[in-house]
Amino acid sequence: VQFVESGGGLVQPGGSLRLSCTASGPISSEYAMGWHRQAPGKQRELVASISRLGRIDYVDSVKGRFTISRDFAKNTFWLQMDSLKPEDTAVYYCNNPEGIFSWGQGTQVTVSS
């Protein structure tokens, strides 16, 4: 399975972006999925995840601002990002929370005035 992430871009602080992730093949609904990000000079971190039963978790820094959603039938996942901050600047990737699948190219999100 490979992922293609899209929807990133340059946005001003306080703005919004909606990221999309499409898998090249079917992903069993047995797997949880998540959005990860990697800022320059930092380790990749998991920011949001959604389990096969729909349980959703967020890292504290994005709670109340980011929303993860999925459509397993379409092998597609989204991350709605609102009230963006400069510290959200990173390359965003989708993958299982443990990163068991191959990583895609990611999509760059830059929050700057």
C-alpha atoms as a PDB file:
ATOM      1  CA  VAL A   1       0.000   0.000   0.000  1.00  0.00           C
ATOM      2  CA  GLN A   2       1.242   3.463  -0.838  1.00  0.00           C
ATOM      3  CA  PHE A   3      -0.213   6.772   0.214  1.00  0.00           C
ATOM      4  CA  VAL A   4      -0.606  10.016  -1.687  1.00  0.00           C
ATOM      5  CA  GLU A   5      -1.076  13.057   0.495  1.00  0.00           C
ATOM      6  CA  SER A   6      -2.355  16.375  -0.855  1.00  0.00           C
ATOM      7  CA  GLY A   7      -3.900  19.638   0.206  1.00  0.00           C
ATOM      8  CA  GLY A   8      -0.935  21.352   1.809  1.00  0.00           C
ATOM      9  CA  GLY A   9       0.198  24.856   1.066  1.00  0.00           C
ATOM     10  CA  LEU A  10       1.072  28.248   2.457  1.00  0.00           C
ATOM     11  CA  VAL A  11      -1.477  29.751   4.819  1.00  0.00           C
ATOM     12  CA  GLN A  12      -1.505  32.656   7.217  1.00  0.00           C
ATOM     13  CA  PRO A  13      -1.794  32.098  10.967  1.00  0.00           C
ATOM     14  CA  GLY A  14      -5.402  31.469  11.864  1.00  0.00           C
ATOM     15  CA  GLY A  15      -6.161  29.988   8.466  1.00  0.00           C
ATOM     16  CA  SER A  16      -7.390  26.546   7.512  1.00  0.00           C
ATOM     17  CA  LEU A  17      -6.333  23.688   5.282  1.00  0.00           C
ATOM     18  CA  ARG A  18      -7.863  20.307   4.511  1.00  0.00           C
ATOM     19  CA  LEU A  19      -5.415  17.509   3.834  1.00  0.00           C
ATOM     20  CA  SER A  20      -6.375  14.389   1.921  1.00  0.00           C
ATOM     21  CA  CYS A  21      -4.763  10.987   1.829  1.00  0.00           C
ATOM     22  CA  THR A  22      -5.555   8.307  -0.712  1.00  0.00           C
ATOM     23  CA  ALA A  23      -4.221   4.778  -0.485  1.00  0.00           C
ATOM     24  CA  SER A  24      -3.139   2.958  -3.627  1.00  0.00           C
ATOM     25  CA  GLY A  25      -4.796  -0.224  -2.473  1.00  0.00           C
ATOM     26  CA  PRO A  26      -7.451  -1.362  -0.057  1.00  0.00           C
ATOM     27  CA  ILE A  27      -6.680  -0.920   3.596  1.00  0.00           C
ATOM     28  CA  SER A  28      -8.446  -3.303   5.837  1.00  0.00           C
ATOM     29  CA  SER A  29     -10.771  -1.591   8.244  1.00  0.00           C
ATOM     30  CA  GLU A  30      -8.890  -3.607  10.871  1.00  0.00           C
ATOM     31  CA  TYR A  31      -6.189  -0.941  10.816  1.00  0.00           C
ATOM     32  CA  ALA A  32      -6.239   2.347  12.609  1.00  0.00           C
ATOM     33  CA  MET A  33      -4.999   5.268  10.545  1.00  0.00           C
ATOM     34  CA  GLY A  34      -3.340   8.482  11.465  1.00  0.00           C
ATOM     35  CA  TRP A  35      -1.748  11.713  10.381  1.00  0.00           C
ATOM     36  CA  HIS A  36       1.879  12.341  11.251  1.00  0.00           C
ATOM     37  CA  ARG A  37       4.019  15.405  10.762  1.00  0.00           C
ATOM     38  CA  GLN A  38       7.693  16.207  10.678  1.00  0.00           C
ATOM     39  CA  ALA A  39       9.006  19.702  11.177  1.00  0.00           C
ATOM     40  CA  PRO A  40      12.551  20.653  10.133  1.00  0.00           C
ATOM     41  CA  GLY A  41      15.077  19.297  12.597  1.00  0.00           C
ATOM     42  CA  LYS A  42      12.461  17.397  14.567  1.00  0.00           C
ATOM     43  CA  GLN A  43      11.303  13.814  14.764  1.00  0.00           C
ATOM     44  CA  ARG A  44       8.155  12.719  13.052  1.00  0.00           C
ATOM     45  CA  GLU A  45       5.181  12.812  15.430  1.00  0.00           C
ATOM     46  CA  LEU A  46       1.693  11.380  15.318  1.00  0.00           C
ATOM     47  CA  VAL A  47      -0.830  14.204  15.606  1.00  0.00           C
ATOM     48  CA  ALA A  48      -4.159  12.459  15.034  1.00  0.00           C
ATOM     49  CA  SER A  49      -5.433   8.912  14.774  1.00  0.00           C
ATOM     50  CA  ILE A  50      -8.710   7.142  14.163  1.00  0.00           C
ATOM     51  CA  SER A  51      -9.244   3.514  15.098  1.00  0.00           C
ATOM     52  CA  ARG A  52     -11.240   0.932  13.175  1.00  0.00           C
ATOM     53  CA  LEU A  53     -14.069   1.497  15.632  1.00  0.00           C
ATOM     54  CA  GLY A  54     -13.923   5.254  15.185  1.00  0.00           C
ATOM     55  CA  ARG A  55     -12.058   6.194  18.349  1.00  0.00           C
ATOM     56  CA  ILE A  56     -10.205   9.435  17.709  1.00  0.00           C
ATOM     57  CA  ASP A  57      -7.132  10.759  19.488  1.00  0.00           C
ATOM     58  CA  TYR A  58      -5.138  13.940  19.060  1.00  0.00           C
ATOM     59  CA  VAL A  59      -1.858  15.190  20.387  1.00  0.00           C
ATOM     60  CA  ASP A  60      -2.504  17.975  22.886  1.00  0.00           C
ATOM     61  CA  SER A  61      -1.039  20.667  20.647  1.00  0.00           C
ATOM     62  CA  VAL A  62      -3.758  20.219  17.991  1.00  0.00           C
ATOM     63  CA  LYS A  63      -6.790  19.369  20.111  1.00  0.00           C
ATOM     64  CA  GLY A  64      -9.750  21.559  19.281  1.00  0.00           C
ATOM     65  CA  ARG A  65      -8.165  22.696  16.013  1.00  0.00           C
ATOM     66  CA  PHE A  66      -7.653  19.553  13.917  1.00  0.00           C
ATOM     67  CA  THR A  67     -10.267  16.988  12.878  1.00  0.00           C
ATOM     68  CA  ILE A  68      -9.454  13.585  11.427  1.00  0.00           C
ATOM     69  CA  SER A  69     -11.952  11.639   9.368  1.00  0.00           C
ATOM     70  CA  ARG A  70     -11.967   8.593   7.135  1.00  0.00           C
ATOM     71  CA  ASP A  71     -13.815   6.730   4.432  1.00  0.00           C
ATOM     72  CA  PHE A  72     -12.458   3.199   4.438  1.00  0.00           C
ATOM     73  CA  ALA A  73     -14.623   2.224   1.461  1.00  0.00           C
ATOM     74  CA  LYS A  74     -12.824   4.871  -0.605  1.00  0.00           C
ATOM     75  CA  ASN A  75      -9.414   4.303   1.035  1.00  0.00           C
ATOM     76  CA  THR A  76      -9.369   8.001   1.785  1.00  0.00           C
ATOM     77  CA  PHE A  77      -8.574   9.951   4.937  1.00  0.00           C
ATOM     78  CA  TRP A  78      -8.692  13.633   5.725  1.00  0.00           C
ATOM     79  CA  LEU A  79      -7.288  16.079   8.228  1.00  0.00           C
ATOM     80  CA  GLN A  80      -9.163  19.344   8.634  1.00  0.00           C
ATOM     81  CA  MET A  81      -6.827  21.888  10.177  1.00  0.00           C
ATOM     82  CA  ASP A  82      -8.240  25.127  11.546  1.00  0.00           C
ATOM     83  CA  SER A  83      -6.734  27.988  13.526  1.00  0.00           C
ATOM     84  CA  LEU A  84      -3.337  27.101  12.155  1.00  0.00           C
ATOM     85  CA  LYS A  85      -0.244  28.304  13.971  1.00  0.00           C
ATOM     86  CA  PRO A  86       3.339  28.777  12.750  1.00  0.00           C
ATOM     87  CA  GLU A  87       4.347  25.788  14.871  1.00  0.00           C
ATOM     88  CA  ASP A  88       2.096  23.600  12.714  1.00  0.00           C
ATOM     89  CA  THR A  89       4.540  24.083   9.858  1.00  0.00           C
ATOM     90  CA  ALA A  90       5.720  20.628   8.798  1.00  0.00           C
ATOM     91  CA  VAL A  91       5.447  17.933   6.184  1.00  0.00           C
ATOM     92  CA  TYR A  92       2.309  15.921   6.886  1.00  0.00           C
ATOM     93  CA  TYR A  93       2.001  12.206   6.193  1.00  0.00           C
ATOM     94  CA  CYS A  94      -0.722   9.618   6.592  1.00  0.00           C
ATOM     95  CA  ASN A  95      -0.016   6.101   7.777  1.00  0.00           C
ATOM     96  CA  ASN A  96      -1.010   3.645  10.417  1.00  0.00           C
ATOM     97  CA  PRO A  97      -0.208   5.140  13.859  1.00  0.00           C
ATOM     98  CA  GLU A  98       2.725   2.736  14.166  1.00  0.00           C
ATOM     99  CA  GLY A  99       3.902   3.551  10.649  1.00  0.00           C
ATOM    100  CA  ILE A 100       3.689  -0.026   9.425  1.00  0.00           C
ATOM    101  CA  PHE A 101       3.048   0.905   5.803  1.00  0.00           C
ATOM    102  CA  SER A 102       5.444   2.571   3.358  1.00  0.00           C
ATOM    103  CA  TRP A 103       5.616   6.316   3.764  1.00  0.00           C
ATOM    104  CA  GLY A 104       4.361   8.583   1.014  1.00  0.00           C
ATOM    105  CA  GLN A 105       5.938  11.868  -0.082  1.00  0.00           C
ATOM    106  CA  GLY A 106       3.839  13.876   2.335  1.00  0.00           C
ATOM    107  CA  THR A 107       2.382  17.313   1.796  1.00  0.00           C
ATOM    108  CA  GLN A 108       4.052  20.511   2.958  1.00  0.00           C
ATOM    109  CA  VAL A 109       2.117  22.811   5.267  1.00  0.00           C
ATOM    110  CA  THR A 110       3.622  26.230   5.900  1.00  0.00           C
ATOM    111  CA  VAL A 111       1.957  28.641   8.295  1.00  0.00           C
ATOM    112  CA  SER A 112       3.439  32.091   7.981  1.00  0.00           C
ATOM    113  CA  SER A 113       2.419  35.693   7.616  1.00  0.00           C
END
